[in-house]
Amino acid sequence: MKQQYLEVTFRKGKPLAAYLYLHPNAGDKCVRTEKREAGLIVDYAPDGRAIGIEITAPGMVALTSLNRVMESLNESPLTQEDVSPLVAA
């Protein structure tokens, strides 16, 4: 199992979308999604494990909102440094 990591897609220097991978396993596929806070969607694997968080509005999502979702998934909270790519542009 890998460590969590954030992938951000930029367009014209601004974050367009982002995905926070939560300890992905090789071959993980999303079979169910669940809307959470505004702009955050959790993806689940067939075994019920949360595999990632879609961030549909990266410029509008607050770290506190993201950490509420992380807490609900029994994940460690993120730091400002962890999400710095979202505000890098």
PDB file of N, CA and C in Angstrom:
ATOM      1  N   MET A   1       0.838  -1.175   0.000  1.00  0.00           N
ATOM      2  CA  MET A   1       0.000   0.000   0.000  1.00  0.00           C
ATOM      3  C   MET A   1       0.885   1.242   0.000  1.00  0.00           C
ATOM      4  N   LYS A   2       0.559   2.202  -0.852  1.00  0.00           N
ATOM      5  CA  LYS A   2       1.338   3.424  -0.960  1.00  0.00           C
ATOM      6  C   LYS A   2       0.840   4.469   0.039  1.00  0.00           C
ATOM      7  N   GLN A   3       1.644   5.500   0.205  1.00  0.00           N
ATOM      8  CA  GLN A   3       1.247   6.633   1.030  1.00  0.00           C
ATOM      9  C   GLN A   3       0.233   7.472   0.269  1.00  0.00           C
ATOM     10  N   GLN A   4      -0.525   8.268   1.007  1.00  0.00           N
ATOM     11  CA  GLN A   4      -1.466   9.162   0.325  1.00  0.00           C
ATOM     12  C   GLN A   4      -0.708  10.260  -0.406  1.00  0.00           C
ATOM     13  N   TYR A   5      -1.296  10.722  -1.495  1.00  0.00           N
ATOM     14  CA  TYR A   5      -0.690  11.818  -2.244  1.00  0.00           C
ATOM     15  C   TYR A   5      -1.769  12.592  -2.980  1.00  0.00           C
ATOM     16  N   LEU A   6      -1.459  13.839  -3.280  1.00  0.00           N
ATOM     17  CA  LEU A   6      -2.386  14.755  -3.928  1.00  0.00           C
ATOM     18  C   LEU A   6      -1.958  14.981  -5.369  1.00  0.00           C
ATOM     19  N   GLU A   7      -2.914  14.866  -6.282  1.00  0.00           N
ATOM     20  CA  GLU A   7      -2.665  15.120  -7.697  1.00  0.00           C
ATOM     21  C   GLU A   7      -3.564  16.288  -8.107  1.00  0.00           C
ATOM     22  N   VAL A   8      -2.975  17.324  -8.685  1.00  0.00           N
ATOM     23  CA  VAL A   8      -3.715  18.517  -9.067  1.00  0.00           C
ATOM     24  C   VAL A   8      -3.591  18.738 -10.572  1.00  0.00           C
ATOM     25  N   THR A   9      -4.710  19.028 -11.218  1.00  0.00           N
ATOM     26  CA  THR A   9      -4.733  19.371 -12.635  1.00  0.00           C
ATOM     27  C   THR A   9      -4.897  20.877 -12.754  1.00  0.00           C
ATOM     28  N   PHE A  10      -3.976  21.505 -13.479  1.00  0.00           N
ATOM     29  CA  PHE A  10      -3.995  22.953 -13.653  1.00  0.00           C
ATOM     30  C   PHE A  10      -4.416  23.310 -15.067  1.00  0.00           C
ATOM     31  N   ARG A  11      -5.060  24.455 -15.196  1.00  0.00           N
ATOM     32  CA  ARG A  11      -5.388  25.009 -16.503  1.00  0.00           C
ATOM     33  C   ARG A  11      -5.130  26.505 -16.434  1.00  0.00           C
ATOM     34  N   LYS A  12      -4.277  26.969 -17.315  1.00  0.00           N
ATOM     35  CA  LYS A  12      -3.886  28.378 -17.349  1.00  0.00           C
ATOM     36  C   LYS A  12      -3.371  28.846 -15.981  1.00  0.00           C
ATOM     37  N   GLY A  13      -2.605  27.984 -15.335  1.00  0.00           N
ATOM     38  CA  GLY A  13      -1.972  28.333 -14.073  1.00  0.00           C
ATOM     39  C   GLY A  13      -2.856  28.267 -12.849  1.00  0.00           C
ATOM     40  N   LYS A  14      -4.101  27.853 -12.999  1.00  0.00           N
ATOM     41  CA  LYS A  14      -5.030  27.772 -11.870  1.00  0.00           C
ATOM     42  C   LYS A  14      -5.460  26.316 -11.674  1.00  0.00           C
ATOM     43  N   PRO A  15      -5.622  25.878 -10.409  1.00  0.00           N
ATOM     44  CA  PRO A  15      -6.060  24.500 -10.172  1.00  0.00           C
ATOM     45  C   PRO A  15      -7.487  24.292 -10.679  1.00  0.00           C
ATOM     46  N   LEU A  16      -7.664  23.303 -11.529  1.00  0.00           N
ATOM     47  CA  LEU A  16      -8.961  23.004 -12.124  1.00  0.00           C
ATOM     48  C   LEU A  16      -9.676  21.889 -11.352  1.00  0.00           C
ATOM     49  N   ALA A  17      -8.925  20.884 -10.964  1.00  0.00           N
ATOM     50  CA  ALA A  17      -9.460  19.740 -10.227  1.00  0.00           C
ATOM     51  C   ALA A  17      -8.305  19.102  -9.462  1.00  0.00           C
ATOM     52  N   ALA A  18      -8.663  18.312  -8.460  1.00  0.00           N
ATOM     53  CA  ALA A  18      -7.623  17.629  -7.685  1.00  0.00           C
ATOM     54  C   ALA A  18      -8.168  16.300  -7.177  1.00  0.00           C
ATOM     55  N   TYR A  19      -7.251  15.402  -6.856  1.00  0.00           N
ATOM     56  CA  TYR A  19      -7.623  14.093  -6.320  1.00  0.00           C
ATOM     57  C   TYR A  19      -6.619  13.725  -5.238  1.00  0.00           C
ATOM     58  N   LEU A  20      -7.141  13.411  -4.069  1.00  0.00           N
ATOM     59  CA  LEU A  20      -6.305  12.967  -2.953  1.00  0.00           C
ATOM     60  C   LEU A  20      -6.415  11.457  -2.860  1.00  0.00           C
ATOM     61  N   TYR A  21      -5.332  10.768  -3.215  1.00  0.00           N
ATOM     62  CA  TYR A  21      -5.287   9.308  -3.147  1.00  0.00           C
ATOM     63  C   TYR A  21      -5.032   8.915  -1.702  1.00  0.00           C
ATOM     64  N   LEU A  22      -5.847   8.009  -1.176  1.00  0.00           N
ATOM     65  CA  LEU A  22      -5.708   7.543   0.201  1.00  0.00           C
ATOM     66  C   LEU A  22      -5.141   6.131   0.215  1.00  0.00           C
ATOM     67  N   HIS A  23      -3.851   6.013   0.351  1.00  0.00           N
ATOM     68  CA  HIS A  23      -3.188   4.705   0.448  1.00  0.00           C
ATOM     69  C   HIS A  23      -3.658   3.734  -0.639  1.00  0.00           C
ATOM     70  N   PRO A  24      -3.481   4.087  -1.902  1.00  0.00           N
ATOM     71  CA  PRO A  24      -3.990   3.242  -2.984  1.00  0.00           C
ATOM     72  C   PRO A  24      -3.250   1.913  -3.109  1.00  0.00           C
ATOM     73  N   ASN A  25      -3.982   0.898  -3.481  1.00  0.00           N
ATOM     74  CA  ASN A  25      -3.417  -0.400  -3.825  1.00  0.00           C
ATOM     75  C   ASN A  25      -3.422  -0.513  -5.339  1.00  0.00           C
ATOM     76  N   ALA A  26      -2.504  -1.280  -5.885  1.00  0.00           N
ATOM     77  CA  ALA A  26      -2.472  -1.496  -7.330  1.00  0.00           C
ATOM     78  C   ALA A  26      -3.805  -2.092  -7.776  1.00  0.00           C
ATOM     79  N   GLY A  27      -4.361  -1.547  -8.831  1.00  0.00           N
ATOM     80  CA  GLY A  27      -5.594  -2.087  -9.388  1.00  0.00           C
ATOM     81  C   GLY A  27      -6.869  -1.610  -8.721  1.00  0.00           C
ATOM     82  N   ASP A  28      -6.784  -0.713  -7.746  1.00  0.00           N
ATOM     83  CA  ASP A  28      -7.992  -0.194  -7.101  1.00  0.00           C
ATOM     84  C   ASP A  28      -8.914   0.435  -8.133  1.00  0.00           C
ATOM     85  N   LYS A  29     -10.185   0.128  -8.029  1.00  0.00           N
ATOM     86  CA  LYS A  29     -11.206   0.706  -8.891  1.00  0.00           C
ATOM     87  C   LYS A  29     -12.318   1.263  -8.002  1.00  0.00           C
ATOM     88  N   CYS A  30     -12.856   2.378  -8.422  1.00  0.00           N
ATOM     89  CA  CYS A  30     -13.964   2.983  -7.693  1.00  0.00           C
ATOM     90  C   CYS A  30     -15.267   2.306  -8.105  1.00  0.00           C
ATOM     91  N   VAL A  31     -16.035   1.843  -7.118  1.00  0.00           N
ATOM     92  CA  VAL A  31     -17.333   1.234  -7.408  1.00  0.00           C
ATOM     93  C   VAL A  31     -18.487   2.018  -6.803  1.00  0.00           C
ATOM     94  N   ARG A  32     -18.146   2.982  -5.942  1.00  0.00           N
ATOM     95  CA  ARG A  32     -19.189   3.776  -5.294  1.00  0.00           C
ATOM     96  C   ARG A  32     -18.618   5.129  -4.914  1.00  0.00           C
ATOM     97  N   THR A  33     -19.428   6.169  -5.048  1.00  0.00           N
ATOM     98  CA  THR A  33     -19.014   7.503  -4.629  1.00  0.00           C
ATOM     99  C   THR A  33     -20.022   8.046  -3.622  1.00  0.00           C
ATOM    100  N   GLU A  34     -19.548   8.972  -2.815  1.00  0.00           N
ATOM    101  CA  GLU A  34     -20.406   9.576  -1.798  1.00  0.00           C
ATOM    102  C   GLU A  34     -20.057  11.058  -1.691  1.00  0.00           C
ATOM    103  N   LYS A  35     -21.039  11.913  -1.965  1.00  0.00           N
ATOM    104  CA  LYS A  35     -20.818  13.350  -1.827  1.00  0.00           C
ATOM    105  C   LYS A  35     -20.711  13.677  -0.350  1.00  0.00           C
ATOM    106  N   ARG A  36     -19.759  14.502  -0.030  1.00  0.00           N
ATOM    107  CA  ARG A  36     -19.573  14.945   1.349  1.00  0.00           C
ATOM    108  C   ARG A  36     -19.767  16.441   1.399  1.00  0.00           C
ATOM    109  N   GLU A  37     -18.799  17.149   1.918  1.00  0.00           N
ATOM    110  CA  GLU A  37     -18.881  18.605   1.982  1.00  0.00           C
ATOM    111  C   GLU A  37     -18.857  19.164   0.556  1.00  0.00           C
ATOM    112  N   ALA A  38     -19.238  20.405   0.419  1.00  0.00           N
ATOM    113  CA  ALA A  38     -19.273  21.043  -0.902  1.00  0.00           C
ATOM    114  C   ALA A  38     -17.928  20.890  -1.608  1.00  0.00           C
ATOM    115  N   GLY A  39     -17.979  20.342  -2.815  1.00  0.00           N
ATOM    116  CA  GLY A  39     -16.771  20.184  -3.613  1.00  0.00           C
ATOM    117  C   GLY A  39     -15.927  18.966  -3.284  1.00  0.00           C
ATOM    118  N   LEU A  40     -16.416  18.068  -2.412  1.00  0.00           N
ATOM    119  CA  LEU A  40     -15.649  16.885  -2.019  1.00  0.00           C
ATOM    120  C   LEU A  40     -16.484  15.625  -2.215  1.00  0.00           C
ATOM    121  N   ILE A  41     -15.916  14.661  -2.927  1.00  0.00           N
ATOM    122  CA  ILE A  41     -16.584  13.398  -3.205  1.00  0.00           C
ATOM    123  C   ILE A  41     -15.621  12.271  -2.839  1.00  0.00           C
ATOM    124  N   VAL A  42     -16.073  11.333  -2.017  1.00  0.00           N
ATOM    125  CA  VAL A  42     -15.230  10.203  -1.600  1.00  0.00           C
ATOM    126  C   VAL A  42     -15.505   9.016  -2.519  1.00  0.00           C
ATOM    127  N   ASP A  43     -14.439   8.387  -3.002  1.00  0.00           N
ATOM    128  CA  ASP A  43     -14.526   7.195  -3.837  1.00  0.00           C
ATOM    129  C   ASP A  43     -14.199   5.969  -2.992  1.00  0.00           C
ATOM    130  N   TYR A  44     -14.957   4.881  -3.241  1.00  0.00           N
ATOM    131  CA  TYR A  44     -14.777   3.649  -2.475  1.00  0.00           C
ATOM    132  C   TYR A  44     -14.457   2.465  -3.389  1.00  0.00           C
ATOM    133  N   ALA A  45     -13.612   1.567  -2.896  1.00  0.00           N
ATOM    134  CA  ALA A  45     -13.248   0.324  -3.587  1.00  0.00           C
ATOM    135  C   ALA A  45     -14.332  -0.724  -3.320  1.00  0.00           C
ATOM    136  N   PRO A  46     -14.304  -1.850  -4.035  1.00  0.00           N
ATOM    137  CA  PRO A  46     -15.294  -2.908  -3.820  1.00  0.00           C
ATOM    138  C   PRO A  46     -15.329  -3.436  -2.377  1.00  0.00           C
ATOM    139  N   ASP A  47     -14.195  -3.372  -1.685  1.00  0.00           N
ATOM    140  CA  ASP A  47     -14.153  -3.872  -0.308  1.00  0.00           C
ATOM    141  C   ASP A  47     -14.656  -2.844   0.716  1.00  0.00           C
ATOM    142  N   GLY A  48     -15.157  -1.694   0.241  1.00  0.00           N
ATOM    143  CA  GLY A  48     -15.708  -0.675   1.127  1.00  0.00           C
ATOM    144  C   GLY A  48     -14.699   0.331   1.639  1.00  0.00           C
ATOM    145  N   ARG A  49     -13.458   0.163   1.255  1.00  0.00           N
ATOM    146  CA  ARG A  49     -12.383   1.058   1.699  1.00  0.00           C
ATOM    147  C   ARG A  49     -12.384   2.336   0.884  1.00  0.00           C
ATOM    148  N   ALA A  50     -12.270   3.488   1.571  1.00  0.00           N
ATOM    149  CA  ALA A  50     -12.145   4.766   0.869  1.00  0.00           C
ATOM    150  C   ALA A  50     -10.792   4.798   0.180  1.00  0.00           C
ATOM    151  N   ILE A  51     -10.808   5.080  -1.128  1.00  0.00           N
ATOM    152  CA  ILE A  51      -9.550   5.078  -1.881  1.00  0.00           C
ATOM    153  C   ILE A  51      -9.119   6.464  -2.324  1.00  0.00           C
ATOM    154  N   GLY A  52     -10.026   7.431  -2.238  1.00  0.00           N
ATOM    155  CA  GLY A  52      -9.636   8.770  -2.638  1.00  0.00           C
ATOM    156  C   GLY A  52     -10.735   9.785  -2.433  1.00  0.00           C
ATOM    157  N   ILE A  53     -10.323  11.037  -2.510  1.00  0.00           N
ATOM    158  CA  ILE A  53     -11.261  12.143  -2.385  1.00  0.00           C
ATOM    159  C   ILE A  53     -11.119  13.028  -3.619  1.00  0.00           C
ATOM    160  N   GLU A  54     -12.199  13.151  -4.368  1.00  0.00           N
ATOM    161  CA  GLU A  54     -12.229  14.061  -5.506  1.00  0.00           C
ATOM    162  C   GLU A  54     -12.472  15.464  -4.968  1.00  0.00           C
ATOM    163  N   ILE A  55     -11.676  16.400  -5.423  1.00  0.00           N
ATOM    164  CA  ILE A  55     -11.825  17.803  -5.036  1.00  0.00           C
ATOM    165  C   ILE A  55     -12.238  18.535  -6.300  1.00  0.00           C
ATOM    166  N   THR A  56     -13.539  18.787  -6.424  1.00  0.00           N
ATOM    167  CA  THR A  56     -14.081  19.316  -7.672  1.00  0.00           C
ATOM    168  C   THR A  56     -13.936  20.826  -7.816  1.00  0.00           C
ATOM    169  N   ALA A  57     -13.707  21.512  -6.717  1.00  0.00           N
ATOM    170  CA  ALA A  57     -13.515  22.967  -6.752  1.00  0.00           C
ATOM    171  C   ALA A  57     -12.332  23.317  -5.861  1.00  0.00           C
ATOM    172  N   PRO A  58     -11.115  22.998  -6.319  1.00  0.00           N
ATOM    173  CA  PRO A  58      -9.948  23.134  -5.449  1.00  0.00           C
ATOM    174  C   PRO A  58      -9.708  24.539  -4.910  1.00  0.00           C
ATOM    175  N   GLY A  59     -10.097  25.542  -5.644  1.00  0.00           N
ATOM    176  CA  GLY A  59      -9.885  26.906  -5.177  1.00  0.00           C
ATOM    177  C   GLY A  59     -10.867  27.336  -4.106  1.00  0.00           C
ATOM    178  N   MET A  60     -11.910  26.542  -3.887  1.00  0.00           N
ATOM    179  CA  MET A  60     -12.952  26.917  -2.950  1.00  0.00           C
ATOM    180  C   MET A  60     -13.028  26.011  -1.720  1.00  0.00           C
ATOM    181  N   VAL A  61     -12.246  24.939  -1.692  1.00  0.00           N
ATOM    182  CA  VAL A  61     -12.305  23.989  -0.579  1.00  0.00           C
ATOM    183  C   VAL A  61     -11.322  24.392   0.504  1.00  0.00           C
ATOM    184  N   ALA A  62     -11.821  24.509   1.720  1.00  0.00           N
ATOM    185  CA  ALA A  62     -10.986  24.879   2.857  1.00  0.00           C
ATOM    186  C   ALA A  62     -10.345  23.640   3.473  1.00  0.00           C
ATOM    187  N   LEU A  63      -9.185  23.835   4.054  1.00  0.00           N
ATOM    188  CA  LEU A  63      -8.482  22.748   4.734  1.00  0.00           C
ATOM    189  C   LEU A  63      -9.350  22.159   5.841  1.00  0.00           C
ATOM    190  N   THR A  64     -10.108  22.985   6.528  1.00  0.00           N
ATOM    191  CA  THR A  64     -10.973  22.477   7.612  1.00  0.00           C
ATOM    192  C   THR A  64     -12.033  21.524   7.061  1.00  0.00           C
ATOM    193  N   SER A  65     -12.597  21.830   5.908  1.00  0.00           N
ATOM    194  CA  SER A  65     -13.590  20.941   5.287  1.00  0.00           C
ATOM    195  C   SER A  65     -12.962  19.615   4.901  1.00  0.00           C
ATOM    196  N   LEU A  66     -11.800  19.702   4.299  1.00  0.00           N
ATOM    197  CA  LEU A  66     -11.087  18.492   3.898  1.00  0.00           C
ATOM    198  C   LEU A  66     -10.750  17.641   5.123  1.00  0.00           C
ATOM    199  N   ASN A  67     -10.334  18.272   6.200  1.00  0.00           N
ATOM    200  CA  ASN A  67      -9.984  17.525   7.408  1.00  0.00           C
ATOM    201  C   ASN A  67     -11.200  16.926   8.107  1.00  0.00           C
ATOM    202  N   ARG A  68     -12.369  17.538   7.972  1.00  0.00           N
ATOM    203  CA  ARG A  68     -13.577  16.905   8.526  1.00  0.00           C
ATOM    204  C   ARG A  68     -13.860  15.600   7.794  1.00  0.00           C
ATOM    205  N   VAL A  69     -13.683  15.603   6.475  1.00  0.00           N
ATOM    206  CA  VAL A  69     -13.877  14.378   5.704  1.00  0.00           C
ATOM    207  C   VAL A  69     -12.801  13.354   6.075  1.00  0.00           C
ATOM    208  N   MET A  70     -11.556  13.810   6.187  1.00  0.00           N
ATOM    209  CA  MET A  70     -10.464  12.897   6.570  1.00  0.00           C
ATOM    210  C   MET A  70     -10.764  12.244   7.919  1.00  0.00           C
ATOM    211  N   GLU A  71     -11.224  13.026   8.872  1.00  0.00           N
ATOM    212  CA  GLU A  71     -11.548  12.492  10.198  1.00  0.00           C
ATOM    213  C   GLU A  71     -12.662  11.451  10.115  1.00  0.00           C
ATOM    214  N   SER A  72     -13.679  11.717   9.309  1.00  0.00           N
ATOM    215  CA  SER A  72     -14.792  10.771   9.172  1.00  0.00           C
ATOM    216  C   SER A  72     -14.343   9.450   8.549  1.00  0.00           C
ATOM    217  N   LEU A  73     -13.213   9.484   7.820  1.00  0.00           N
ATOM    218  CA  LEU A  73     -12.662   8.280   7.189  1.00  0.00           C
ATOM    219  C   LEU A  73     -11.557   7.643   8.031  1.00  0.00           C
ATOM    220  N   ASN A  74     -11.376   8.161   9.251  1.00  0.00           N
ATOM    221  CA  ASN A  74     -10.317   7.685  10.150  1.00  0.00           C
ATOM    222  C   ASN A  74      -8.926   7.853   9.556  1.00  0.00           C
ATOM    223  N   GLU A  75      -8.745   8.955   8.844  1.00  0.00           N
ATOM    224  CA  GLU A  75      -7.455   9.295   8.258  1.00  0.00           C
ATOM    225  C   GLU A  75      -6.829  10.430   9.063  1.00  0.00           C
ATOM    226  N   SER A  76      -5.528  10.528   9.024  1.00  0.00           N
ATOM    227  CA  SER A  76      -4.821  11.611   9.707  1.00  0.00           C
ATOM    228  C   SER A  76      -5.154  12.942   9.048  1.00  0.00           C
ATOM    229  N   PRO A  77      -5.224  14.003   9.839  1.00  0.00           N
ATOM    230  CA  PRO A  77      -5.521  15.313   9.256  1.00  0.00           C
ATOM    231  C   PRO A  77      -4.393  15.780   8.334  1.00  0.00           C
ATOM    232  N   LEU A  78      -4.763  16.587   7.373  1.00  0.00           N
ATOM    233  CA  LEU A  78      -3.803  17.168   6.444  1.00  0.00           C
ATOM    234  C   LEU A  78      -3.281  18.475   7.013  1.00  0.00           C
ATOM    235  N   THR A  79      -2.093  18.847   6.587  1.00  0.00           N
ATOM    236  CA  THR A  79      -1.519  20.125   6.987  1.00  0.00           C
ATOM    237  C   THR A  79      -1.629  21.099   5.817  1.00  0.00           C
ATOM    238  N   GLN A  80      -1.365  22.358   6.084  1.00  0.00           N
ATOM    239  CA  GLN A  80      -1.378  23.354   5.018  1.00  0.00           C
ATOM    240  C   GLN A  80      -0.333  22.991   3.953  1.00  0.00           C
ATOM    241  N   GLU A  81       0.770  22.435   4.381  1.00  0.00           N
ATOM    242  CA  GLU A  81       1.819  22.011   3.448  1.00  0.00           C
ATOM    243  C   GLU A  81       1.316  20.897   2.522  1.00  0.00           C
ATOM    244  N   ASP A  82       0.498  19.984   3.061  1.00  0.00           N
ATOM    245  CA  ASP A  82      -0.032  18.876   2.253  1.00  0.00           C
ATOM    246  C   ASP A  82      -0.883  19.381   1.091  1.00  0.00           C
ATOM    247  N   VAL A  83      -1.603  20.458   1.308  1.00  0.00           N
ATOM    248  CA  VAL A  83      -2.507  20.969   0.279  1.00  0.00           C
ATOM    249  C   VAL A  83      -1.960  22.200  -0.435  1.00  0.00           C
ATOM    250  N   SER A  84      -0.716  22.527  -0.199  1.00  0.00           N
ATOM    251  CA  SER A  84      -0.124  23.727  -0.808  1.00  0.00           C
ATOM    252  C   SER A  84      -0.209  23.749  -2.340  1.00  0.00           C
ATOM    253  N   PRO A  85      -0.180  22.605  -3.045  1.00  0.00           N
ATOM    254  CA  PRO A  85      -0.328  22.674  -4.510  1.00  0.00           C
ATOM    255  C   PRO A  85      -1.666  23.268  -4.955  1.00  0.00           C
ATOM    256  N   LEU A  86      -2.680  23.205  -4.102  1.00  0.00           N
ATOM    257  CA  LEU A  86      -3.987  23.749  -4.462  1.00  0.00           C
ATOM    258  C   LEU A  86      -3.969  25.271  -4.546  1.00  0.00           C
ATOM    259  N   VAL A  87      -3.046  25.894  -3.828  1.00  0.00           N
ATOM    260  CA  VAL A  87      -2.979  27.347  -3.819  1.00  0.00           C
ATOM    261  C   VAL A  87      -1.669  27.863  -4.398  1.00  0.00           C
ATOM    262  N   ALA A  88      -0.926  26.997  -5.061  1.00  0.00           N
ATOM    263  CA  ALA A  88       0.393  27.355  -5.570  1.00  0.00           C
ATOM    264  C   ALA A  88       0.345  28.361  -6.708  1.00  0.00           C
ATOM    265  N   ALA A  89      -0.697  28.328  -7.485  1.00  0.00           N
ATOM    266  CA  ALA A  89      -0.747  29.209  -8.666  1.00  0.00           C
ATOM    267  C   ALA A  89      -1.215  30.613  -8.308  1.00  0.00           C
TER     268      ALA A  89
END
